[in-house]
Amino acid sequence: MRKGRDIIHLPVVHSATGKTVGRVTDLIVNTREGRVTGLLLAAEGESANRRIDWTQVIYDRDVIRTEAEPAPHDPASLEPKPHDRAGHDSASHESAGHALAMQEPAGHAPDDQAPLSNVPAAYDLVNHEPPTDDQVRHEQAPCEPAHEQASPGEPSPATPVLLCLSRCEGHPVRTQAGRPLGQVGDILFDPAQGQLTAVEVSDGLMQDLLTGRLQLPWPDVTEWRADTVIVADHWQDAWQRE
């Protein structure tokens, strides 16, 4: 088993040419399948990260070997998509966004338009019709999609599929009943297939030094939300399992 931090900063070398194509800056984790699916690389002289699939590399202790060429990385590919948010219709959301972008200024507002006091200012002068509730919410939070609160144990409305390990670190970990266990410190995985085997949980520096970090077996993880990891109430430290 390897930890995520064992992979960070390792050089990625092309097997045929011996050329170093970059160094690992982050791991891409599929939280739905529970496996490492790719690596982000920083190449000398390049400001943007590149990306390579885990299936295209071979882990060899102090080096990562590959016969593939890293591809440009699109950061948007790691953001939660509208269709990943349960209870929301991505098609209608996108249609509303296009409608807002295509509207043209109107010479006057129709008589049946809603009172200005009840309509966001951005719509007062440009809309032919009163805004819909979805449009109002879109204007109020253009960059932050609405996240509904989920009860413990219930599916999250904004569960991401892909996350960078660096963005997972520090996420609070709690049981389905709400008991806090600490924060995500790292992951453990099988380098052969990239399959996650455990989540390493930190409970503060002093506690880590005194008792060590918890290692929660991956099967005990019931949900990996956008900002929280939920584990079963009957979780068990991997060190205690035979």
C-alpha atoms as a PDB file:
ATOM      1  CA  MET A   1       0.000   0.000   0.000  1.00  0.00           C
ATOM      2  CA  ARG A   2       1.105   3.543  -0.686  1.00  0.00           C
ATOM      3  CA  LYS A   3       0.020   6.904   0.688  1.00  0.00           C
ATOM      4  CA  GLY A   4      -0.769   9.891  -1.454  1.00  0.00           C
ATOM      5  CA  ARG A   5       2.167  11.813  -0.037  1.00  0.00           C
ATOM      6  CA  ASP A   6       4.486   9.014  -1.227  1.00  0.00           C
ATOM      7  CA  ILE A   7       3.613   9.949  -4.804  1.00  0.00           C
ATOM      8  CA  ILE A   8       3.739  13.756  -4.588  1.00  0.00           C
ATOM      9  CA  HIS A   9       6.938  15.269  -6.069  1.00  0.00           C
ATOM     10  CA  LEU A  10       8.030  12.005  -7.725  1.00  0.00           C
ATOM     11  CA  PRO A  11       9.459  12.432 -11.227  1.00  0.00           C
ATOM     12  CA  VAL A  12       7.493  10.999 -14.136  1.00  0.00           C
ATOM     13  CA  VAL A  13       9.861   9.498 -16.696  1.00  0.00           C
ATOM     14  CA  HIS A  14       9.133   8.372 -20.255  1.00  0.00           C
ATOM     15  CA  SER A  15      10.211   4.735 -20.441  1.00  0.00           C
ATOM     16  CA  ALA A  16      11.455   4.866 -24.035  1.00  0.00           C
ATOM     17  CA  THR A  17      13.381   8.136 -23.985  1.00  0.00           C
ATOM     18  CA  GLY A  18      14.322   8.396 -20.319  1.00  0.00           C
ATOM     19  CA  LYS A  19      13.124  11.991 -20.395  1.00  0.00           C
ATOM     20  CA  THR A  20      11.478  13.445 -17.302  1.00  0.00           C
ATOM     21  CA  VAL A  21       8.105  14.721 -18.486  1.00  0.00           C
ATOM     22  CA  GLY A  22       7.189  16.318 -15.163  1.00  0.00           C
ATOM     23  CA  ARG A  23       6.846  15.921 -11.418  1.00  0.00           C
ATOM     24  CA  VAL A  24       3.701  14.873  -9.590  1.00  0.00           C
ATOM     25  CA  THR A  25       1.914  17.801  -7.957  1.00  0.00           C
ATOM     26  CA  ASP A  26      -1.390  16.135  -7.086  1.00  0.00           C
ATOM     27  CA  LEU A  27      -3.460  12.967  -7.322  1.00  0.00           C
ATOM     28  CA  ILE A  28      -6.919  12.796  -8.881  1.00  0.00           C
ATOM     29  CA  VAL A  29      -9.335  10.684  -6.858  1.00  0.00           C
ATOM     30  CA  ASN A  30     -12.641   9.286  -8.087  1.00  0.00           C
ATOM     31  CA  THR A  31     -14.702   9.369  -4.893  1.00  0.00           C
ATOM     32  CA  ARG A  32     -17.529   7.342  -6.421  1.00  0.00           C
ATOM     33  CA  GLU A  33     -15.358   4.413  -7.522  1.00  0.00           C
ATOM     34  CA  GLY A  34     -12.870   4.797  -4.691  1.00  0.00           C
ATOM     35  CA  ARG A  35      -9.682   4.865  -6.715  1.00  0.00           C
ATOM     36  CA  VAL A  36      -6.879   7.086  -7.940  1.00  0.00           C
ATOM     37  CA  THR A  37      -7.578   7.795 -11.598  1.00  0.00           C
ATOM     38  CA  GLY A  38      -4.829  10.198 -12.570  1.00  0.00           C
ATOM     39  CA  LEU A  39      -1.919  12.459 -11.720  1.00  0.00           C
ATOM     40  CA  LEU A  40      -1.334  16.169 -12.183  1.00  0.00           C
ATOM     41  CA  LEU A  41       2.171  17.025 -13.343  1.00  0.00           C
ATOM     42  CA  ALA A  42       4.263  20.160 -13.380  1.00  0.00           C
ATOM     43  CA  ALA A  43       6.779  20.310 -16.203  1.00  0.00           C
ATOM     44  CA  GLU A  44       9.852  22.515 -16.158  1.00  0.00           C
ATOM     45  CA  GLY A  45       9.251  25.748 -18.039  1.00  0.00           C
ATOM     46  CA  GLU A  46       5.467  25.303 -18.123  1.00  0.00           C
ATOM     47  CA  SER A  47       3.073  27.260 -15.934  1.00  0.00           C
ATOM     48  CA  ALA A  48       0.036  25.006 -16.477  1.00  0.00           C
ATOM     49  CA  ASN A  49      -0.344  21.512 -15.066  1.00  0.00           C
ATOM     50  CA  ARG A  50      -0.596  18.466 -17.275  1.00  0.00           C
ATOM     51  CA  ARG A  51      -2.567  15.331 -16.585  1.00  0.00           C
ATOM     52  CA  ILE A  52      -1.963  11.636 -17.074  1.00  0.00           C
ATOM     53  CA  ASP A  53      -4.198   8.649 -16.296  1.00  0.00           C
ATOM     54  CA  TRP A  54      -3.142   6.233 -13.596  1.00  0.00           C
ATOM     55  CA  THR A  55      -3.676   3.356 -16.029  1.00  0.00           C
ATOM     56  CA  GLN A  56      -0.892   4.864 -18.167  1.00  0.00           C
ATOM     57  CA  VAL A  57       1.770   4.833 -15.458  1.00  0.00           C
ATOM     58  CA  ILE A  58       3.775   2.303 -13.485  1.00  0.00           C
ATOM     59  CA  TYR A  59       4.793   3.114  -9.922  1.00  0.00           C
ATOM     60  CA  ASP A  60       8.404   2.122  -9.278  1.00  0.00           C
ATOM     61  CA  ARG A  61       9.298   3.251  -5.740  1.00  0.00           C
ATOM     62  CA  ASP A  62      11.076   6.548  -6.347  1.00  0.00           C
ATOM     63  CA  VAL A  63       9.896   7.162  -9.909  1.00  0.00           C
ATOM     64  CA  ILE A  64       6.748   6.991 -12.016  1.00  0.00           C
ATOM     65  CA  ARG A  65       7.257   5.447 -15.457  1.00  0.00           C
ATOM     66  CA  THR A  66       5.042   5.924 -18.484  1.00  0.00           C
ATOM     67  CA  GLU A  67       4.964   5.460 -22.236  1.00  0.00           C
ATOM     68  CA  ALA A  68       2.232   8.076 -22.700  1.00  0.00           C
ATOM     69  CA  GLU A  69       2.473  11.803 -23.231  1.00  0.00           C
ATOM     70  CA  PRO A  70       0.737  13.885 -20.537  1.00  0.00           C
ATOM     71  CA  ALA A  71      -2.272  15.838 -21.796  1.00  0.00           C
ATOM     72  CA  PRO A  72      -3.230  19.442 -20.973  1.00  0.00           C
ATOM     73  CA  HIS A  73      -5.258  19.631 -17.771  1.00  0.00           C
ATOM     74  CA  ASP A  74      -8.609  21.420 -17.634  1.00  0.00           C
ATOM     75  CA  PRO A  75      -9.284  22.490 -14.001  1.00  0.00           C
ATOM     76  CA  ALA A  76     -13.013  22.660 -14.776  1.00  0.00           C
ATOM     77  CA  SER A  77     -13.034  18.880 -15.182  1.00  0.00           C
ATOM     78  CA  LEU A  78     -12.615  18.547 -11.417  1.00  0.00           C
ATOM     79  CA  GLU A  79     -15.480  20.875 -10.502  1.00  0.00           C
ATOM     80  CA  PRO A  80     -18.902  19.478  -9.488  1.00  0.00           C
ATOM     81  CA  LYS A  81     -21.237  19.534 -12.489  1.00  0.00           C
ATOM     82  CA  PRO A  82     -24.946  20.470 -12.354  1.00  0.00           C
ATOM     83  CA  HIS A  83     -25.943  16.867 -13.092  1.00  0.00           C
ATOM     84  CA  ASP A  84     -23.935  15.747 -10.054  1.00  0.00           C
ATOM     85  CA  ARG A  85     -26.316  17.634  -7.764  1.00  0.00           C
ATOM     86  CA  ALA A  86     -29.277  15.462  -6.898  1.00  0.00           C
ATOM     87  CA  GLY A  87     -32.678  17.074  -7.205  1.00  0.00           C
ATOM     88  CA  HIS A  88     -31.551  19.623  -9.796  1.00  0.00           C
ATOM     89  CA  ASP A  89     -32.285  19.538 -13.522  1.00  0.00           C
ATOM     90  CA  SER A  90     -29.044  20.488 -15.285  1.00  0.00           C
ATOM     91  CA  ALA A  91     -30.768  20.937 -18.635  1.00  0.00           C
ATOM     92  CA  SER A  92     -33.207  23.510 -17.309  1.00  0.00           C
ATOM     93  CA  HIS A  93     -30.408  25.230 -15.395  1.00  0.00           C
ATOM     94  CA  GLU A  94     -28.284  25.564 -18.531  1.00  0.00           C
ATOM     95  CA  SER A  95     -31.262  26.759 -20.557  1.00  0.00           C
ATOM     96  CA  ALA A  96     -31.912  29.479 -18.025  1.00  0.00           C
ATOM     97  CA  GLY A  97     -28.267  30.539 -18.203  1.00  0.00           C
ATOM     98  CA  HIS A  98     -28.372  30.785 -22.011  1.00  0.00           C
ATOM     99  CA  ALA A  99     -31.609  32.741 -21.828  1.00  0.00           C
ATOM    100  CA  LEU A 100     -30.004  35.318 -19.563  1.00  0.00           C
ATOM    101  CA  ALA A 101     -27.029  35.669 -21.892  1.00  0.00           C
ATOM    102  CA  MET A 102     -29.191  36.138 -25.003  1.00  0.00           C
ATOM    103  CA  GLN A 103     -31.660  38.720 -23.646  1.00  0.00           C
ATOM    104  CA  GLU A 104     -31.558  42.175 -25.221  1.00  0.00           C
ATOM    105  CA  PRO A 105     -32.424  45.508 -23.565  1.00  0.00           C
ATOM    106  CA  ALA A 106     -36.057  46.474 -23.863  1.00  0.00           C
ATOM    107  CA  GLY A 107     -37.409  49.922 -24.511  1.00  0.00           C
ATOM    108  CA  HIS A 108     -40.000  49.628 -21.789  1.00  0.00           C
ATOM    109  CA  ALA A 109     -41.247  47.088 -19.309  1.00  0.00           C
ATOM    110  CA  PRO A 110     -44.587  45.373 -19.915  1.00  0.00           C
ATOM    111  CA  ASP A 111     -47.516  46.340 -17.775  1.00  0.00           C
ATOM    112  CA  ASP A 112     -47.675  42.954 -16.071  1.00  0.00           C
ATOM    113  CA  GLN A 113     -44.030  43.034 -14.977  1.00  0.00           C
ATOM    114  CA  ALA A 114     -43.448  42.348 -11.283  1.00  0.00           C
ATOM    115  CA  PRO A 115     -42.889  45.371  -9.003  1.00  0.00           C
ATOM    116  CA  LEU A 116     -39.323  46.639  -9.114  1.00  0.00           C
ATOM    117  CA  SER A 117     -38.985  46.238  -5.373  1.00  0.00           C
ATOM    118  CA  ASN A 118     -39.442  42.486  -5.780  1.00  0.00           C
ATOM    119  CA  VAL A 119     -37.068  42.053  -8.739  1.00  0.00           C
ATOM    120  CA  PRO A 120     -33.242  42.112  -8.667  1.00  0.00           C
ATOM    121  CA  ALA A 121     -31.815  45.306 -10.133  1.00  0.00           C
ATOM    122  CA  ALA A 122     -30.092  43.494 -12.999  1.00  0.00           C
ATOM    123  CA  TYR A 123     -33.508  42.599 -14.408  1.00  0.00           C
ATOM    124  CA  ASP A 124     -35.266  45.947 -13.970  1.00  0.00           C
ATOM    125  CA  LEU A 125     -34.266  47.390 -17.318  1.00  0.00           C
ATOM    126  CA  VAL A 126     -33.310  44.496 -19.531  1.00  0.00           C
ATOM    127  CA  ASN A 127     -35.992  41.833 -19.257  1.00  0.00           C
ATOM    128  CA  HIS A 128     -39.142  41.547 -21.286  1.00  0.00           C
ATOM    129  CA  GLU A 129     -40.649  39.315 -18.632  1.00  0.00           C
ATOM    130  CA  PRO A 130     -40.322  38.991 -14.871  1.00  0.00           C
ATOM    131  CA  PRO A 131     -37.465  36.696 -13.884  1.00  0.00           C
ATOM    132  CA  THR A 132     -38.178  33.159 -12.852  1.00  0.00           C
ATOM    133  CA  ASP A 133     -37.245  31.909  -9.401  1.00  0.00           C
ATOM    134  CA  ASP A 134     -34.302  30.017 -10.923  1.00  0.00           C
ATOM    135  CA  GLN A 135     -33.020  33.211 -12.564  1.00  0.00           C
ATOM    136  CA  VAL A 136     -33.255  35.122  -9.299  1.00  0.00           C
ATOM    137  CA  ARG A 137     -31.252  32.433  -7.508  1.00  0.00           C
ATOM    138  CA  HIS A 138     -28.752  32.383 -10.401  1.00  0.00           C
ATOM    139  CA  GLU A 139     -28.092  36.118  -9.995  1.00  0.00           C
ATOM    140  CA  GLN A 140     -27.804  35.958  -6.239  1.00  0.00           C
ATOM    141  CA  ALA A 141     -25.142  33.230  -6.416  1.00  0.00           C
ATOM    142  CA  PRO A 142     -23.496  33.285  -9.875  1.00  0.00           C
ATOM    143  CA  CYS A 143     -20.331  31.522  -8.728  1.00  0.00           C
ATOM    144  CA  GLU A 144     -21.554  29.375  -5.872  1.00  0.00           C
ATOM    145  CA  PRO A 145     -24.236  26.816  -6.737  1.00  0.00           C
ATOM    146  CA  ALA A 146     -26.871  26.377  -4.060  1.00  0.00           C
ATOM    147  CA  HIS A 147     -26.063  23.518  -1.738  1.00  0.00           C
ATOM    148  CA  GLU A 148     -29.003  22.088   0.126  1.00  0.00           C
ATOM    149  CA  GLN A 149     -28.363  20.773   3.607  1.00  0.00           C
ATOM    150  CA  ALA A 150     -28.522  17.006   3.926  1.00  0.00           C
ATOM    151  CA  SER A 151     -29.277  15.129   7.122  1.00  0.00           C
ATOM    152  CA  PRO A 152     -26.641  12.726   8.457  1.00  0.00           C
ATOM    153  CA  GLY A 153     -26.565   9.565   6.386  1.00  0.00           C
ATOM    154  CA  GLU A 154     -28.557  11.037   3.512  1.00  0.00           C
ATOM    155  CA  PRO A 155     -27.042  11.495   0.031  1.00  0.00           C
ATOM    156  CA  SER A 156     -25.464  14.894  -0.499  1.00  0.00           C
ATOM    157  CA  PRO A 157     -26.949  17.162  -3.187  1.00  0.00           C
ATOM    158  CA  ALA A 158     -23.455  18.173  -4.327  1.00  0.00           C
ATOM    159  CA  THR A 159     -21.320  15.067  -4.170  1.00  0.00           C
ATOM    160  CA  PRO A 160     -18.349  15.462  -6.537  1.00  0.00           C
ATOM    161  CA  VAL A 161     -17.009  12.565  -8.566  1.00  0.00           C
ATOM    162  CA  LEU A 162     -13.418  13.737  -9.062  1.00  0.00           C
ATOM    163  CA  LEU A 163     -11.342  15.581  -6.493  1.00  0.00           C
ATOM    164  CA  CYS A 164      -7.688  16.482  -6.176  1.00  0.00           C
ATOM    165  CA  LEU A 165      -6.071  15.005  -3.092  1.00  0.00           C
ATOM    166  CA  SER A 166      -4.861  18.458  -2.064  1.00  0.00           C
ATOM    167  CA  ARG A 167      -8.489  19.611  -1.928  1.00  0.00           C
ATOM    168  CA  CYS A 168      -9.499  16.591   0.165  1.00  0.00           C
ATOM    169  CA  GLU A 169      -6.915  17.196   2.869  1.00  0.00           C
ATOM    170  CA  GLY A 170      -8.438  18.934   5.861  1.00  0.00           C
ATOM    171  CA  HIS A 171     -12.011  17.891   5.074  1.00  0.00           C
ATOM    172  CA  PRO A 172     -13.839  17.003   8.307  1.00  0.00           C
ATOM    173  CA  VAL A 173     -14.605  13.337   8.832  1.00  0.00           C
ATOM    174  CA  ARG A 174     -17.657  12.307  10.840  1.00  0.00           C
ATOM    175  CA  THR A 175     -19.918   9.345  11.360  1.00  0.00           C
ATOM    176  CA  GLN A 176     -23.435   9.063   9.988  1.00  0.00           C
ATOM    177  CA  ALA A 177     -24.698  10.016  13.442  1.00  0.00           C
ATOM    178  CA  GLY A 178     -22.602  13.195  13.374  1.00  0.00           C
ATOM    179  CA  ARG A 179     -19.712  12.211  15.640  1.00  0.00           C
ATOM    180  CA  PRO A 180     -16.530  14.064  14.548  1.00  0.00           C
ATOM    181  CA  LEU A 181     -13.463  11.884  14.031  1.00  0.00           C
ATOM    182  CA  GLY A 182     -10.949  14.401  12.715  1.00  0.00           C
ATOM    183  CA  GLN A 183      -9.842  15.625   9.307  1.00  0.00           C
ATOM    184  CA  VAL A 184      -8.640  13.915   6.145  1.00  0.00           C
ATOM    185  CA  GLY A 185      -4.866  13.703   6.306  1.00  0.00           C
ATOM    186  CA  ASP A 186      -4.122  11.352   3.422  1.00  0.00           C
ATOM    187  CA  ILE A 187      -5.309   8.301   1.515  1.00  0.00           C
ATOM    188  CA  LEU A 188      -3.920   4.788   1.228  1.00  0.00           C
ATOM    189  CA  PHE A 189      -4.217   2.942  -2.054  1.00  0.00           C
ATOM    190  CA  ASP A 190      -2.994  -0.050  -4.021  1.00  0.00           C
ATOM    191  CA  PRO A 191      -0.608   1.306  -6.684  1.00  0.00           C
ATOM    192  CA  ALA A 192      -1.279  -1.651  -8.976  1.00  0.00           C
ATOM    193  CA  GLN A 193      -4.885  -0.648  -9.706  1.00  0.00           C
ATOM    194  CA  GLY A 194      -5.149   2.681  -7.898  1.00  0.00           C
ATOM    195  CA  GLN A 195      -7.885   1.285  -5.636  1.00  0.00           C
ATOM    196  CA  LEU A 196      -8.340   3.134  -2.338  1.00  0.00           C
ATOM    197  CA  THR A 197      -7.907   0.952   0.734  1.00  0.00           C
ATOM    198  CA  ALA A 198      -8.240   3.483   3.553  1.00  0.00           C
ATOM    199  CA  VAL A 199      -8.586   7.138   4.496  1.00  0.00           C
ATOM    200  CA  GLU A 200      -6.021   8.454   6.951  1.00  0.00           C
ATOM    201  CA  VAL A 201      -7.600  10.745   9.527  1.00  0.00           C
ATOM    202  CA  SER A 202      -5.724  13.329  11.588  1.00  0.00           C
ATOM    203  CA  ASP A 203      -6.992  14.445  14.991  1.00  0.00           C
ATOM    204  CA  GLY A 204      -4.425  17.171  15.561  1.00  0.00           C
ATOM    205  CA  LEU A 205      -0.635  17.112  15.747  1.00  0.00           C
ATOM    206  CA  MET A 206      -0.379  16.163  19.421  1.00  0.00           C
ATOM    207  CA  GLN A 207      -2.942  13.387  19.125  1.00  0.00           C
ATOM    208  CA  ASP A 208      -1.265  12.099  15.965  1.00  0.00           C
ATOM    209  CA  LEU A 209       2.059  11.903  17.817  1.00  0.00           C
ATOM    210  CA  LEU A 210       0.553  10.225  20.877  1.00  0.00           C
ATOM    211  CA  THR A 211      -1.728   7.650  19.276  1.00  0.00           C
ATOM    212  CA  GLY A 212      -1.026   7.812  15.546  1.00  0.00           C
ATOM    213  CA  ARG A 213      -3.506   8.606  12.816  1.00  0.00           C
ATOM    214  CA  LEU A 214      -6.694   6.663  12.287  1.00  0.00           C
ATOM    215  CA  GLN A 215      -6.830   4.608   9.113  1.00  0.00           C
ATOM    216  CA  LEU A 216     -10.459   4.104   8.173  1.00  0.00           C
ATOM    217  CA  PRO A 217     -10.989   1.219   5.722  1.00  0.00           C
ATOM    218  CA  TRP A 218     -12.500   2.413   2.463  1.00  0.00           C
ATOM    219  CA  PRO A 219     -15.554   0.102   2.781  1.00  0.00           C
ATOM    220  CA  ASP A 220     -16.492   2.068   5.929  1.00  0.00           C
ATOM    221  CA  VAL A 221     -16.689   5.324   3.933  1.00  0.00           C
ATOM    222  CA  THR A 222     -20.356   5.750   3.050  1.00  0.00           C
ATOM    223  CA  GLU A 223     -20.105   9.117   1.302  1.00  0.00           C
ATOM    224  CA  TRP A 224     -17.512  11.650   0.191  1.00  0.00           C
ATOM    225  CA  ARG A 225     -19.253  14.998  -0.043  1.00  0.00           C
ATOM    226  CA  ALA A 226     -17.875  18.224  -1.474  1.00  0.00           C
ATOM    227  CA  ASP A 227     -16.536  19.266   1.933  1.00  0.00           C
ATOM    228  CA  THR A 228     -17.150  16.349   4.316  1.00  0.00           C
ATOM    229  CA  VAL A 229     -16.391  12.646   4.499  1.00  0.00           C
ATOM    230  CA  ILE A 230     -19.075  10.448   6.077  1.00  0.00           C
ATOM    231  CA  VAL A 231     -18.222   7.047   7.538  1.00  0.00           C
ATOM    232  CA  ALA A 232     -20.397   4.305   8.950  1.00  0.00           C
ATOM    233  CA  ASP A 233     -21.264   4.468  12.640  1.00  0.00           C
ATOM    234  CA  HIS A 234     -19.594   1.071  13.071  1.00  0.00           C
ATOM    235  CA  TRP A 235     -16.288   2.291  11.594  1.00  0.00           C
ATOM    236  CA  GLN A 236     -13.159   0.495  12.685  1.00  0.00           C
ATOM    237  CA  ASP A 237      -9.548   1.547  12.568  1.00  0.00           C
ATOM    238  CA  ALA A 238      -7.720  -0.464   9.907  1.00  0.00           C
ATOM    239  CA  TRP A 239      -4.969  -1.223  12.418  1.00  0.00           C
ATOM    240  CA  GLN A 240      -7.550  -3.032  14.548  1.00  0.00           C
ATOM    241  CA  ARG A 241      -8.737  -5.232  11.695  1.00  0.00           C
ATOM    242  CA  GLU A 242      -7.212  -8.616  11.032  1.00  0.00           C
END
